[in-house]
Amino acid sequence: ENALRSLLEALTSPPYAPTQHLEREQALAKQFAEILHFTLSFDELKVPPREPLGDRSPQWSPSPPPQLDAESEVNNEMANRMSLFYAEATPMLKTLSNATTKFVSETLPIEDTTDCLSTMACVCRVMLETPEYRSRFTNTETLLFCMRVMVGVIILYDHVHPVGAFAKTSKIDMKGCIKVLKDQPSTSTEGLLNALR
């Protein structure tokens, strides 16, 4: 949360416009993109809540909990926080959204942050839909990285902007972003499209 706050401060502070920040602070923008990529990757790996954990195998039987030494014991407060974290459908995204919302509520004007997020979404969309740029992606992991970053900034924008990302007045071309995702193989984008719903 603290790292995100520092990145957002650096990428949104005056006097520069969002595009200027992204050009001048490329390493910081890349770090922010890495956080978004990790967040969505982590949440994609989480077991869906509708899948019962105990029904994986008919021979499944519980094993005794591992014995912990005194140094690795988790106190009750930490155990409760961990339980609440993992109870969320998308725990990392929820944490990131809450941290961004907190940053925006403490940092005015909000437009500095939403402009940065919408600019990043636009850059990702253009990179994905323009054959010249897309041909530079040497592997599918780079393509997936770009799609995850685009979806991540859209979700954050939707959380912090007063009318959200799906409003007609939004600075994000949602139709274009969704079209770019739908044009990809469904196995790589199904989770990302679901995240936008």
N, C-alpha and C. Protein backbone atom coordinates (compact mmCIF):
# COMPACT_ATOMS: atom_id res chain seq x y z
N GLU A 1 0.82 -1.19 0.00
CA GLU A 1 0.00 0.00 0.00
C GLU A 1 0.87 1.26 0.00
N ASN A 2 1.94 1.23 0.78
CA ASN A 2 2.83 2.39 0.82
C ASN A 2 3.55 2.59 -0.51
N ALA A 3 3.95 1.48 -1.13
CA ALA A 3 4.62 1.57 -2.43
C ALA A 3 3.67 2.15 -3.48
N LEU A 4 2.42 1.71 -3.44
CA LEU A 4 1.43 2.23 -4.39
C LEU A 4 1.24 3.72 -4.19
N ARG A 5 1.15 4.13 -2.94
CA ARG A 5 0.97 5.55 -2.64
C ARG A 5 2.13 6.38 -3.22
N SER A 6 3.35 5.92 -3.00
CA SER A 6 4.52 6.64 -3.52
C SER A 6 4.51 6.72 -5.04
N LEU A 7 4.13 5.61 -5.68
CA LEU A 7 4.07 5.61 -7.15
C LEU A 7 3.00 6.56 -7.66
N LEU A 8 1.82 6.52 -7.04
CA LEU A 8 0.74 7.41 -7.48
C LEU A 8 1.11 8.88 -7.26
N GLU A 9 1.77 9.18 -6.14
CA GLU A 9 2.20 10.56 -5.91
C GLU A 9 3.16 11.01 -7.01
N ALA A 10 4.10 10.16 -7.36
CA ALA A 10 5.09 10.52 -8.38
C ALA A 10 4.46 10.64 -9.77
N LEU A 11 3.45 9.82 -10.05
CA LEU A 11 2.85 9.81 -11.39
C LEU A 11 1.71 10.81 -11.57
N THR A 12 1.27 11.44 -10.49
CA THR A 12 0.12 12.34 -10.61
C THR A 12 0.37 13.75 -10.11
N SER A 13 1.52 14.02 -9.53
CA SER A 13 1.75 15.33 -8.93
C SER A 13 1.99 16.41 -9.99
N PRO A 14 1.48 17.62 -9.73
CA PRO A 14 1.71 18.74 -10.64
C PRO A 14 3.20 19.02 -10.75
N PRO A 15 3.67 19.67 -11.77
CA PRO A 15 2.93 20.43 -12.77
C PRO A 15 2.70 19.67 -14.07
N TYR A 16 3.08 18.40 -14.14
CA TYR A 16 3.03 17.69 -15.42
C TYR A 16 1.68 17.04 -15.68
N ALA A 17 1.34 16.94 -16.96
CA ALA A 17 0.14 16.23 -17.40
C ALA A 17 0.43 14.73 -17.36
N PRO A 18 -0.61 13.88 -17.36
CA PRO A 18 -0.40 12.43 -17.29
C PRO A 18 0.55 11.88 -18.36
N THR A 19 0.40 12.35 -19.58
CA THR A 19 1.27 11.86 -20.66
C THR A 19 2.72 12.24 -20.38
N GLN A 20 2.93 13.46 -19.89
CA GLN A 20 4.29 13.90 -19.56
C GLN A 20 4.87 13.05 -18.43
N HIS A 21 4.04 12.76 -17.42
CA HIS A 21 4.50 11.91 -16.32
C HIS A 21 4.93 10.54 -16.84
N LEU A 22 4.10 9.95 -17.69
CA LEU A 22 4.41 8.61 -18.20
C LEU A 22 5.67 8.62 -19.06
N GLU A 23 5.91 9.72 -19.77
CA GLU A 23 7.13 9.84 -20.57
C GLU A 23 8.35 10.09 -19.69
N ARG A 24 8.20 10.96 -18.70
CA ARG A 24 9.33 11.34 -17.84
C ARG A 24 9.64 10.28 -16.78
N GLU A 25 8.62 9.59 -16.31
CA GLU A 25 8.76 8.64 -15.20
C GLU A 25 8.50 7.21 -15.68
N GLN A 26 9.14 6.82 -16.76
CA GLN A 26 8.87 5.50 -17.35
C GLN A 26 9.15 4.35 -16.39
N ALA A 27 10.20 4.45 -15.62
CA ALA A 27 10.53 3.37 -14.68
C ALA A 27 9.45 3.25 -13.61
N LEU A 28 8.92 4.37 -13.14
CA LEU A 28 7.86 4.33 -12.13
C LEU A 28 6.56 3.81 -12.73
N ALA A 29 6.27 4.23 -13.96
CA ALA A 29 5.07 3.72 -14.63
C ALA A 29 5.18 2.21 -14.82
N LYS A 30 6.37 1.73 -15.13
CA LYS A 30 6.59 0.28 -15.29
C LYS A 30 6.38 -0.44 -13.95
N GLN A 31 6.85 0.16 -12.85
CA GLN A 31 6.64 -0.45 -11.53
C GLN A 31 5.15 -0.52 -11.20
N PHE A 32 4.42 0.54 -11.51
CA PHE A 32 2.98 0.55 -11.28
C PHE A 32 2.32 -0.54 -12.13
N ALA A 33 2.74 -0.66 -13.38
CA ALA A 33 2.21 -1.70 -14.26
C ALA A 33 2.52 -3.09 -13.71
N GLU A 34 3.72 -3.28 -13.16
CA GLU A 34 4.10 -4.57 -12.57
C GLU A 34 3.20 -4.92 -11.39
N ILE A 35 2.86 -3.92 -10.58
CA ILE A 35 1.95 -4.16 -9.45
C ILE A 35 0.58 -4.58 -9.95
N LEU A 36 0.08 -3.89 -10.98
CA LEU A 36 -1.22 -4.25 -11.55
C LEU A 36 -1.19 -5.66 -12.13
N HIS A 37 -0.13 -5.98 -12.84
CA HIS A 37 0.02 -7.31 -13.44
C HIS A 37 0.04 -8.39 -12.35
N PHE A 38 0.82 -8.18 -11.32
CA PHE A 38 0.89 -9.14 -10.22
C PHE A 38 -0.47 -9.29 -9.54
N THR A 39 -1.14 -8.17 -9.32
CA THR A 39 -2.44 -8.18 -8.66
C THR A 39 -3.44 -9.06 -9.42
N LEU A 40 -3.57 -8.83 -10.72
CA LEU A 40 -4.53 -9.60 -11.50
C LEU A 40 -4.08 -11.05 -11.67
N SER A 41 -2.79 -11.29 -11.77
CA SER A 41 -2.28 -12.67 -11.87
C SER A 41 -2.57 -13.43 -10.58
N PHE A 42 -2.33 -12.80 -9.45
CA PHE A 42 -2.58 -13.42 -8.14
C PHE A 42 -4.05 -13.79 -8.02
N ASP A 43 -4.92 -12.84 -8.34
CA ASP A 43 -6.35 -13.09 -8.19
C ASP A 43 -6.87 -14.14 -9.17
N GLU A 44 -6.26 -14.25 -10.34
CA GLU A 44 -6.66 -15.30 -11.29
C GLU A 44 -6.34 -16.68 -10.75
N LEU A 45 -5.29 -16.79 -9.95
CA LEU A 45 -4.88 -18.09 -9.41
C LEU A 45 -5.71 -18.53 -8.21
N LYS A 46 -6.42 -17.58 -7.61
CA LYS A 46 -7.21 -17.92 -6.42
C LYS A 46 -8.32 -18.89 -6.82
N VAL A 47 -8.59 -19.86 -5.96
CA VAL A 47 -9.64 -20.85 -6.22
C VAL A 47 -10.98 -20.12 -6.22
N PRO A 48 -11.80 -20.30 -7.27
CA PRO A 48 -13.11 -19.65 -7.30
C PRO A 48 -13.96 -20.09 -6.11
N PRO A 49 -14.74 -19.17 -5.52
CA PRO A 49 -15.52 -19.51 -4.34
C PRO A 49 -16.57 -20.59 -4.59
N ARG A 50 -17.04 -20.73 -5.83
CA ARG A 50 -18.09 -21.71 -6.10
C ARG A 50 -17.55 -23.14 -6.18
N GLU A 51 -16.23 -23.31 -6.20
CA GLU A 51 -15.64 -24.63 -6.29
C GLU A 51 -15.34 -25.15 -4.89
N PRO A 52 -16.07 -26.16 -4.43
CA PRO A 52 -15.82 -26.67 -3.07
C PRO A 52 -14.43 -27.27 -2.96
N LEU A 53 -13.74 -26.91 -1.92
CA LEU A 53 -12.38 -27.39 -1.75
C LEU A 53 -12.33 -28.87 -1.42
N GLY A 54 -13.31 -29.38 -0.70
CA GLY A 54 -13.29 -30.78 -0.26
C GLY A 54 -13.72 -31.77 -1.32
N ASP A 55 -14.23 -31.33 -2.45
CA ASP A 55 -14.74 -32.24 -3.47
C ASP A 55 -13.73 -32.53 -4.57
N ARG A 56 -12.49 -32.31 -4.34
CA ARG A 56 -11.48 -32.52 -5.37
C ARG A 56 -11.17 -34.00 -5.59
N SER A 57 -11.31 -34.79 -4.57
CA SER A 57 -10.96 -36.20 -4.69
C SER A 57 -11.80 -37.00 -3.71
N PRO A 58 -12.33 -38.16 -4.16
CA PRO A 58 -13.14 -38.95 -3.23
C PRO A 58 -12.31 -39.52 -2.07
N GLN A 59 -11.00 -39.66 -2.25
CA GLN A 59 -10.16 -40.20 -1.19
C GLN A 59 -9.59 -39.10 -0.30
N TRP A 60 -10.03 -37.87 -0.50
CA TRP A 60 -9.46 -36.75 0.26
C TRP A 60 -9.74 -36.94 1.73
N SER A 61 -8.72 -36.78 2.53
CA SER A 61 -8.90 -36.80 3.97
C SER A 61 -8.00 -35.73 4.57
N PRO A 62 -8.51 -35.07 5.60
CA PRO A 62 -7.71 -33.99 6.17
C PRO A 62 -6.45 -34.53 6.84
N SER A 63 -5.39 -33.79 6.69
CA SER A 63 -4.16 -34.16 7.39
C SER A 63 -4.01 -33.24 8.59
N PRO A 64 -3.30 -33.68 9.58
CA PRO A 64 -3.16 -32.83 10.76
C PRO A 64 -2.41 -31.55 10.39
N PRO A 65 -2.74 -30.45 11.04
CA PRO A 65 -2.06 -29.19 10.72
C PRO A 65 -0.58 -29.30 11.03
N PRO A 66 0.23 -28.64 10.24
CA PRO A 66 1.67 -28.70 10.49
C PRO A 66 2.00 -28.04 11.84
N GLN A 67 2.99 -28.58 12.49
CA GLN A 67 3.44 -28.01 13.76
C GLN A 67 4.32 -26.80 13.49
N LEU A 68 4.02 -25.72 14.15
CA LEU A 68 4.78 -24.49 13.96
C LEU A 68 5.69 -24.26 15.16
N ASP A 69 6.86 -23.76 14.88
CA ASP A 69 7.71 -23.40 16.00
C ASP A 69 7.30 -22.01 16.49
N ALA A 70 7.83 -21.59 17.60
CA ALA A 70 7.42 -20.34 18.22
C ALA A 70 7.63 -19.14 17.30
N GLU A 71 8.66 -19.15 16.47
CA GLU A 71 8.93 -18.01 15.59
C GLU A 71 7.92 -17.88 14.46
N SER A 72 7.36 -18.97 14.00
CA SER A 72 6.46 -18.90 12.85
C SER A 72 4.98 -18.91 13.24
N GLU A 73 4.68 -18.84 14.51
CA GLU A 73 3.28 -18.77 14.92
C GLU A 73 2.69 -17.43 14.49
N VAL A 74 1.43 -17.47 14.12
CA VAL A 74 0.72 -16.28 13.68
C VAL A 74 -0.23 -15.87 14.79
N ASN A 75 -0.17 -14.61 15.19
CA ASN A 75 -1.07 -14.17 16.26
C ASN A 75 -2.50 -14.09 15.73
N ASN A 76 -3.45 -13.99 16.63
CA ASN A 76 -4.87 -14.00 16.25
C ASN A 76 -5.23 -12.85 15.32
N GLU A 77 -4.70 -11.67 15.59
CA GLU A 77 -5.02 -10.53 14.74
C GLU A 77 -4.55 -10.76 13.31
N MET A 78 -3.34 -11.26 13.15
CA MET A 78 -2.82 -11.52 11.80
C MET A 78 -3.62 -12.64 11.13
N ALA A 79 -3.97 -13.67 11.89
CA ALA A 79 -4.77 -14.77 11.33
C ALA A 79 -6.13 -14.26 10.86
N ASN A 80 -6.74 -13.36 11.62
CA ASN A 80 -8.03 -12.79 11.23
C ASN A 80 -7.89 -11.94 9.97
N ARG A 81 -6.83 -11.15 9.90
CA ARG A 81 -6.61 -10.32 8.70
C ARG A 81 -6.38 -11.20 7.47
N MET A 82 -5.63 -12.28 7.65
CA MET A 82 -5.38 -13.19 6.53
C MET A 82 -6.68 -13.86 6.08
N SER A 83 -7.51 -14.26 7.03
CA SER A 83 -8.79 -14.89 6.69
C SER A 83 -9.68 -13.93 5.91
N LEU A 84 -9.76 -12.69 6.37
CA LEU A 84 -10.57 -11.70 5.67
C LEU A 84 -10.02 -11.42 4.28
N PHE A 85 -8.70 -11.38 4.17
CA PHE A 85 -8.06 -11.14 2.87
C PHE A 85 -8.44 -12.24 1.89
N TYR A 86 -8.27 -13.49 2.29
CA TYR A 86 -8.53 -14.61 1.38
C TYR A 86 -10.02 -14.87 1.17
N ALA A 87 -10.87 -14.31 2.01
CA ALA A 87 -12.31 -14.48 1.84
C ALA A 87 -12.83 -13.68 0.65
N GLU A 88 -12.11 -12.66 0.25
CA GLU A 88 -12.51 -11.84 -0.90
C GLU A 88 -12.38 -12.65 -2.19
N ALA A 89 -13.26 -12.37 -3.15
CA ALA A 89 -13.17 -13.04 -4.46
C ALA A 89 -11.88 -12.64 -5.17
N THR A 90 -11.51 -11.37 -5.05
CA THR A 90 -10.26 -10.87 -5.65
C THR A 90 -9.51 -10.07 -4.58
N PRO A 91 -8.81 -10.76 -3.70
CA PRO A 91 -8.22 -10.09 -2.54
C PRO A 91 -7.17 -9.03 -2.87
N MET A 92 -6.31 -9.30 -3.84
CA MET A 92 -5.27 -8.31 -4.17
C MET A 92 -5.88 -7.08 -4.83
N LEU A 93 -6.84 -7.29 -5.72
CA LEU A 93 -7.49 -6.16 -6.39
C LEU A 93 -8.25 -5.31 -5.38
N LYS A 94 -8.90 -5.95 -4.44
CA LYS A 94 -9.62 -5.22 -3.38
C LYS A 94 -8.63 -4.36 -2.58
N THR A 95 -7.50 -4.94 -2.22
CA THR A 95 -6.48 -4.20 -1.47
C THR A 95 -5.97 -3.01 -2.29
N LEU A 96 -5.69 -3.25 -3.56
CA LEU A 96 -5.19 -2.19 -4.44
C LEU A 96 -6.24 -1.09 -4.64
N SER A 97 -7.50 -1.49 -4.82
CA SER A 97 -8.58 -0.52 -5.00
C SER A 97 -8.76 0.33 -3.74
N ASN A 98 -8.73 -0.33 -2.58
CA ASN A 98 -8.87 0.42 -1.32
C ASN A 98 -7.72 1.40 -1.13
N ALA A 99 -6.51 0.97 -1.45
CA ALA A 99 -5.35 1.86 -1.30
C ALA A 99 -5.44 3.04 -2.27
N THR A 100 -5.91 2.79 -3.49
CA THR A 100 -6.05 3.87 -4.47
C THR A 100 -7.15 4.83 -4.04
N THR A 101 -8.27 4.29 -3.56
CA THR A 101 -9.36 5.13 -3.08
C THR A 101 -8.89 6.00 -1.92
N LYS A 102 -8.13 5.41 -1.01
CA LYS A 102 -7.60 6.17 0.13
C LYS A 102 -6.67 7.27 -0.37
N PHE A 103 -5.81 6.95 -1.32
CA PHE A 103 -4.90 7.96 -1.88
C PHE A 103 -5.68 9.11 -2.49
N VAL A 104 -6.70 8.78 -3.27
CA VAL A 104 -7.49 9.81 -3.96
C VAL A 104 -8.25 10.66 -2.95
N SER A 105 -8.77 10.04 -1.88
CA SER A 105 -9.54 10.81 -0.90
C SER A 105 -8.66 11.78 -0.12
N GLU A 106 -7.37 11.46 -0.02
CA GLU A 106 -6.44 12.33 0.71
C GLU A 106 -5.72 13.31 -0.22
N THR A 107 -5.78 13.06 -1.52
CA THR A 107 -5.02 13.85 -2.49
C THR A 107 -5.98 14.48 -3.49
N LEU A 108 -6.07 15.77 -3.45
CA LEU A 108 -6.92 16.46 -4.41
C LEU A 108 -6.04 17.23 -5.37
N PRO A 109 -6.43 17.47 -6.59
CA PRO A 109 -7.68 17.07 -7.22
C PRO A 109 -7.66 15.62 -7.72
N ILE A 110 -8.82 15.02 -7.72
CA ILE A 110 -8.98 13.62 -8.12
C ILE A 110 -8.62 13.42 -9.59
N GLU A 111 -8.81 14.47 -10.40
CA GLU A 111 -8.57 14.37 -11.84
C GLU A 111 -7.13 13.99 -12.17
N ASP A 112 -6.19 14.39 -11.32
CA ASP A 112 -4.79 14.04 -11.58
C ASP A 112 -4.62 12.52 -11.62
N THR A 113 -5.28 11.85 -10.67
CA THR A 113 -5.18 10.39 -10.61
C THR A 113 -5.99 9.73 -11.72
N THR A 114 -7.23 10.17 -11.92
CA THR A 114 -8.06 9.54 -12.94
C THR A 114 -7.51 9.79 -14.34
N ASP A 115 -6.91 10.96 -14.56
CA ASP A 115 -6.29 11.23 -15.87
C ASP A 115 -5.10 10.30 -16.11
N CYS A 116 -4.32 10.05 -15.07
CA CYS A 116 -3.18 9.13 -15.20
C CYS A 116 -3.68 7.72 -15.54
N LEU A 117 -4.72 7.27 -14.83
CA LEU A 117 -5.26 5.92 -15.06
C LEU A 117 -5.86 5.80 -16.47
N SER A 118 -6.61 6.82 -16.89
CA SER A 118 -7.23 6.75 -18.22
C SER A 118 -6.17 6.82 -19.32
N THR A 119 -5.11 7.57 -19.10
CA THR A 119 -4.02 7.65 -20.08
C THR A 119 -3.34 6.29 -20.21
N MET A 120 -3.10 5.63 -19.08
CA MET A 120 -2.47 4.31 -19.14
C MET A 120 -3.38 3.31 -19.86
N ALA A 121 -4.69 3.38 -19.62
CA ALA A 121 -5.62 2.49 -20.31
C ALA A 121 -5.58 2.73 -21.81
N CYS A 122 -5.52 3.99 -22.20
CA CYS A 122 -5.47 4.35 -23.62
C CYS A 122 -4.18 3.84 -24.26
N VAL A 123 -3.06 4.02 -23.58
CA VAL A 123 -1.77 3.55 -24.11
C VAL A 123 -1.81 2.04 -24.33
N CYS A 124 -2.33 1.31 -23.34
CA CYS A 124 -2.41 -0.15 -23.47
C CYS A 124 -3.32 -0.56 -24.62
N ARG A 125 -4.48 0.10 -24.72
CA ARG A 125 -5.43 -0.24 -25.80
C ARG A 125 -4.79 -0.01 -27.16
N VAL A 126 -4.14 1.14 -27.33
CA VAL A 126 -3.50 1.45 -28.61
C VAL A 126 -2.40 0.43 -28.92
N MET A 127 -1.63 0.05 -27.92
CA MET A 127 -0.57 -0.94 -28.14
C MET A 127 -1.15 -2.29 -28.57
N LEU A 128 -2.31 -2.63 -28.03
CA LEU A 128 -2.92 -3.93 -28.34
C LEU A 128 -3.66 -3.94 -29.68
N GLU A 129 -4.22 -2.79 -30.08
CA GLU A 129 -5.03 -2.79 -31.30
C GLU A 129 -4.27 -2.35 -32.54
N THR A 130 -3.10 -1.76 -32.38
CA THR A 130 -2.32 -1.29 -33.52
C THR A 130 -1.34 -2.37 -33.96
N PRO A 131 -1.50 -2.89 -35.18
CA PRO A 131 -0.63 -3.98 -35.64
C PRO A 131 0.86 -3.67 -35.55
N GLU A 132 1.24 -2.43 -35.83
CA GLU A 132 2.66 -2.05 -35.78
C GLU A 132 3.23 -2.24 -34.36
N TYR A 133 2.48 -1.80 -33.36
CA TYR A 133 2.95 -1.94 -31.97
C TYR A 133 2.82 -3.39 -31.50
N ARG A 134 1.72 -4.00 -31.86
CA ARG A 134 1.46 -5.36 -31.41
C ARG A 134 2.49 -6.35 -31.95
N SER A 135 3.00 -6.08 -33.13
CA SER A 135 3.99 -6.98 -33.72
C SER A 135 5.29 -6.99 -32.92
N ARG A 136 5.48 -6.00 -32.06
CA ARG A 136 6.68 -5.95 -31.22
C ARG A 136 6.60 -6.88 -30.02
N PHE A 137 5.39 -7.35 -29.70
CA PHE A 137 5.25 -8.29 -28.59
C PHE A 137 5.81 -9.63 -29.04
N THR A 138 6.87 -10.06 -28.41
CA THR A 138 7.56 -11.28 -28.85
C THR A 138 6.97 -12.55 -28.26
N ASN A 139 6.19 -12.43 -27.20
CA ASN A 139 5.57 -13.63 -26.63
C ASN A 139 4.20 -13.30 -26.05
N THR A 140 3.45 -14.33 -25.78
CA THR A 140 2.09 -14.13 -25.27
C THR A 140 2.08 -13.55 -23.86
N GLU A 141 3.14 -13.78 -23.10
CA GLU A 141 3.19 -13.24 -21.74
C GLU A 141 3.24 -11.71 -21.77
N THR A 142 3.93 -11.13 -22.74
CA THR A 142 3.97 -9.67 -22.87
C THR A 142 2.60 -9.14 -23.25
N LEU A 143 1.93 -9.84 -24.14
CA LEU A 143 0.57 -9.47 -24.54
C LEU A 143 -0.36 -9.52 -23.34
N LEU A 144 -0.27 -10.59 -22.57
CA LEU A 144 -1.11 -10.75 -21.38
C LEU A 144 -0.79 -9.67 -20.34
N PHE A 145 0.48 -9.33 -20.20
CA PHE A 145 0.89 -8.26 -19.29
C PHE A 145 0.17 -6.97 -19.65
N CYS A 146 0.19 -6.61 -20.92
CA CYS A 146 -0.43 -5.38 -21.39
C CYS A 146 -1.95 -5.40 -21.15
N MET A 147 -2.57 -6.55 -21.40
CA MET A 147 -4.02 -6.66 -21.18
C MET A 147 -4.35 -6.54 -19.69
N ARG A 148 -3.55 -7.18 -18.83
CA ARG A 148 -3.80 -7.10 -17.39
C ARG A 148 -3.64 -5.67 -16.88
N VAL A 149 -2.63 -4.98 -17.35
CA VAL A 149 -2.43 -3.59 -16.93
C VAL A 149 -3.62 -2.74 -17.36
N MET A 150 -4.07 -2.92 -18.59
CA MET A 150 -5.22 -2.16 -19.09
C MET A 150 -6.45 -2.42 -18.22
N VAL A 151 -6.73 -3.67 -17.94
CA VAL A 151 -7.90 -4.01 -17.12
C VAL A 151 -7.72 -3.47 -15.70
N GLY A 152 -6.52 -3.57 -15.17
CA GLY A 152 -6.26 -3.08 -13.82
C GLY A 152 -6.51 -1.58 -13.68
N VAL A 153 -6.01 -0.79 -14.62
CA VAL A 153 -6.22 0.66 -14.51
C VAL A 153 -7.69 1.02 -14.76
N ILE A 154 -8.38 0.25 -15.59
CA ILE A 154 -9.81 0.49 -15.80
C ILE A 154 -10.56 0.26 -14.49
N ILE A 155 -10.26 -0.83 -13.81
CA ILE A 155 -10.94 -1.15 -12.55
C ILE A 155 -10.64 -0.09 -11.50
N LEU A 156 -9.40 0.33 -11.39
CA LEU A 156 -9.06 1.38 -10.43
C LEU A 156 -9.77 2.68 -10.77
N TYR A 157 -9.80 3.03 -12.06
CA TYR A 157 -10.50 4.24 -12.50
C TYR A 157 -11.97 4.15 -12.11
N ASP A 158 -12.57 2.99 -12.35
CA ASP A 158 -13.98 2.78 -12.03
C ASP A 158 -14.24 2.94 -10.53
N HIS A 159 -13.29 2.53 -9.71
CA HIS A 159 -13.45 2.64 -8.25
C HIS A 159 -13.32 4.08 -7.75
N VAL A 160 -12.44 4.85 -8.36
CA VAL A 160 -12.16 6.17 -7.79
C VAL A 160 -12.86 7.32 -8.50
N HIS A 161 -13.26 7.13 -9.75
CA HIS A 161 -13.93 8.22 -10.47
C HIS A 161 -15.39 8.31 -10.01
N PRO A 162 -15.89 9.52 -9.79
CA PRO A 162 -17.26 9.67 -9.28
C PRO A 162 -18.33 8.98 -10.12
N VAL A 163 -18.20 8.97 -11.46
CA VAL A 163 -19.21 8.32 -12.29
C VAL A 163 -18.75 6.98 -12.85
N GLY A 164 -17.49 6.64 -12.66
CA GLY A 164 -16.98 5.33 -13.08
C GLY A 164 -16.47 5.29 -14.50
N ALA A 165 -15.93 4.14 -14.86
CA ALA A 165 -15.32 3.95 -16.17
C ALA A 165 -16.34 3.68 -17.27
N PHE A 166 -17.52 3.22 -16.89
CA PHE A 166 -18.50 2.80 -17.89
C PHE A 166 -19.48 3.91 -18.27
N ALA A 167 -19.36 5.07 -17.67
CA ALA A 167 -20.23 6.20 -18.01
C ALA A 167 -19.81 6.78 -19.36
N LYS A 168 -20.77 7.40 -20.04
CA LYS A 168 -20.47 7.99 -21.35
C LYS A 168 -19.44 9.11 -21.25
N THR A 169 -19.38 9.76 -20.09
CA THR A 169 -18.44 10.86 -19.91
C THR A 169 -17.05 10.39 -19.50
N SER A 170 -16.87 9.09 -19.36
CA SER A 170 -15.57 8.54 -18.97
C SER A 170 -14.52 8.85 -20.02
N LYS A 171 -13.29 9.06 -19.57
CA LYS A 171 -12.19 9.33 -20.50
C LYS A 171 -11.60 8.05 -21.07
N ILE A 172 -12.14 6.91 -20.67
CA ILE A 172 -11.65 5.62 -21.17
C ILE A 172 -12.60 5.12 -22.25
N ASP A 173 -12.06 4.73 -23.38
CA ASP A 173 -12.84 4.15 -24.47
C ASP A 173 -13.15 2.70 -24.12
N MET A 174 -14.22 2.51 -23.35
CA MET A 174 -14.54 1.17 -22.86
C MET A 174 -14.90 0.22 -24.00
N LYS A 175 -15.63 0.71 -25.00
CA LYS A 175 -15.97 -0.17 -26.13
C LYS A 175 -14.70 -0.65 -26.82
N GLY A 176 -13.76 0.25 -27.03
CA GLY A 176 -12.49 -0.12 -27.66
C GLY A 176 -11.70 -1.10 -26.82
N CYS A 177 -11.66 -0.88 -25.51
CA CYS A 177 -10.92 -1.78 -24.62
C CYS A 177 -11.53 -3.18 -24.60
N ILE A 178 -12.85 -3.24 -24.52
CA ILE A 178 -13.53 -4.54 -24.50
C ILE A 178 -13.36 -5.25 -25.84
N LYS A 179 -13.43 -4.49 -26.93
CA LYS A 179 -13.22 -5.10 -28.26
C LYS A 179 -11.82 -5.70 -28.36
N VAL A 180 -10.82 -4.98 -27.88
CA VAL A 180 -9.44 -5.49 -27.91
C VAL A 180 -9.35 -6.80 -27.14
N LEU A 181 -10.00 -6.86 -25.98
CA LEU A 181 -9.97 -8.09 -25.18
C LEU A 181 -10.71 -9.23 -25.87
N LYS A 182 -11.86 -8.92 -26.47
CA LYS A 182 -12.64 -9.96 -27.14
C LYS A 182 -11.95 -10.48 -28.40
N ASP A 183 -11.08 -9.68 -28.98
CA ASP A 183 -10.35 -10.11 -30.18
C ASP A 183 -9.22 -11.09 -29.87
N GLN A 184 -8.93 -11.29 -28.59
CA GLN A 184 -7.87 -12.23 -28.17
C GLN A 184 -8.47 -13.62 -27.99
N PRO A 185 -7.62 -14.65 -27.92
CA PRO A 185 -8.13 -15.99 -27.62
C PRO A 185 -8.86 -15.99 -26.27
N SER A 186 -10.02 -16.62 -26.22
CA SER A 186 -10.86 -16.53 -25.02
C SER A 186 -10.20 -17.09 -23.77
N THR A 187 -9.30 -18.06 -23.92
CA THR A 187 -8.66 -18.63 -22.74
C THR A 187 -7.81 -17.61 -22.00
N SER A 188 -7.24 -16.66 -22.73
CA SER A 188 -6.37 -15.68 -22.07
C SER A 188 -7.12 -14.47 -21.55
N THR A 189 -8.34 -14.23 -22.03
CA THR A 189 -9.05 -13.02 -21.64
C THR A 189 -10.32 -13.25 -20.86
N GLU A 190 -10.76 -14.47 -20.72
CA GLU A 190 -12.02 -14.73 -20.03
C GLU A 190 -12.02 -14.14 -18.62
N GLY A 191 -10.95 -14.38 -17.87
CA GLY A 191 -10.86 -13.85 -16.51
C GLY A 191 -10.81 -12.33 -16.49
N LEU A 192 -10.14 -11.74 -17.48
CA LEU A 192 -10.05 -10.28 -17.53
C LEU A 192 -11.40 -9.65 -17.86
N LEU A 193 -12.12 -10.26 -18.79
CA LEU A 193 -13.47 -9.75 -19.12
C LEU A 193 -14.40 -9.90 -17.92
N ASN A 194 -14.27 -11.01 -17.20
CA ASN A 194 -15.08 -11.20 -15.99
C ASN A 194 -14.73 -10.16 -14.93
N ALA A 195 -13.47 -9.81 -14.82
CA ALA A 195 -13.05 -8.80 -13.84
C ALA A 195 -13.70 -7.45 -14.14
N LEU A 196 -13.91 -7.15 -15.42
CA LEU A 196 -14.54 -5.88 -15.78
C LEU A 196 -16.04 -5.87 -15.51
N ARG A 197 -16.62 -7.04 -15.40
CA ARG A 197 -18.07 -7.11 -15.12
C ARG A 197 -18.29 -6.81 -13.68
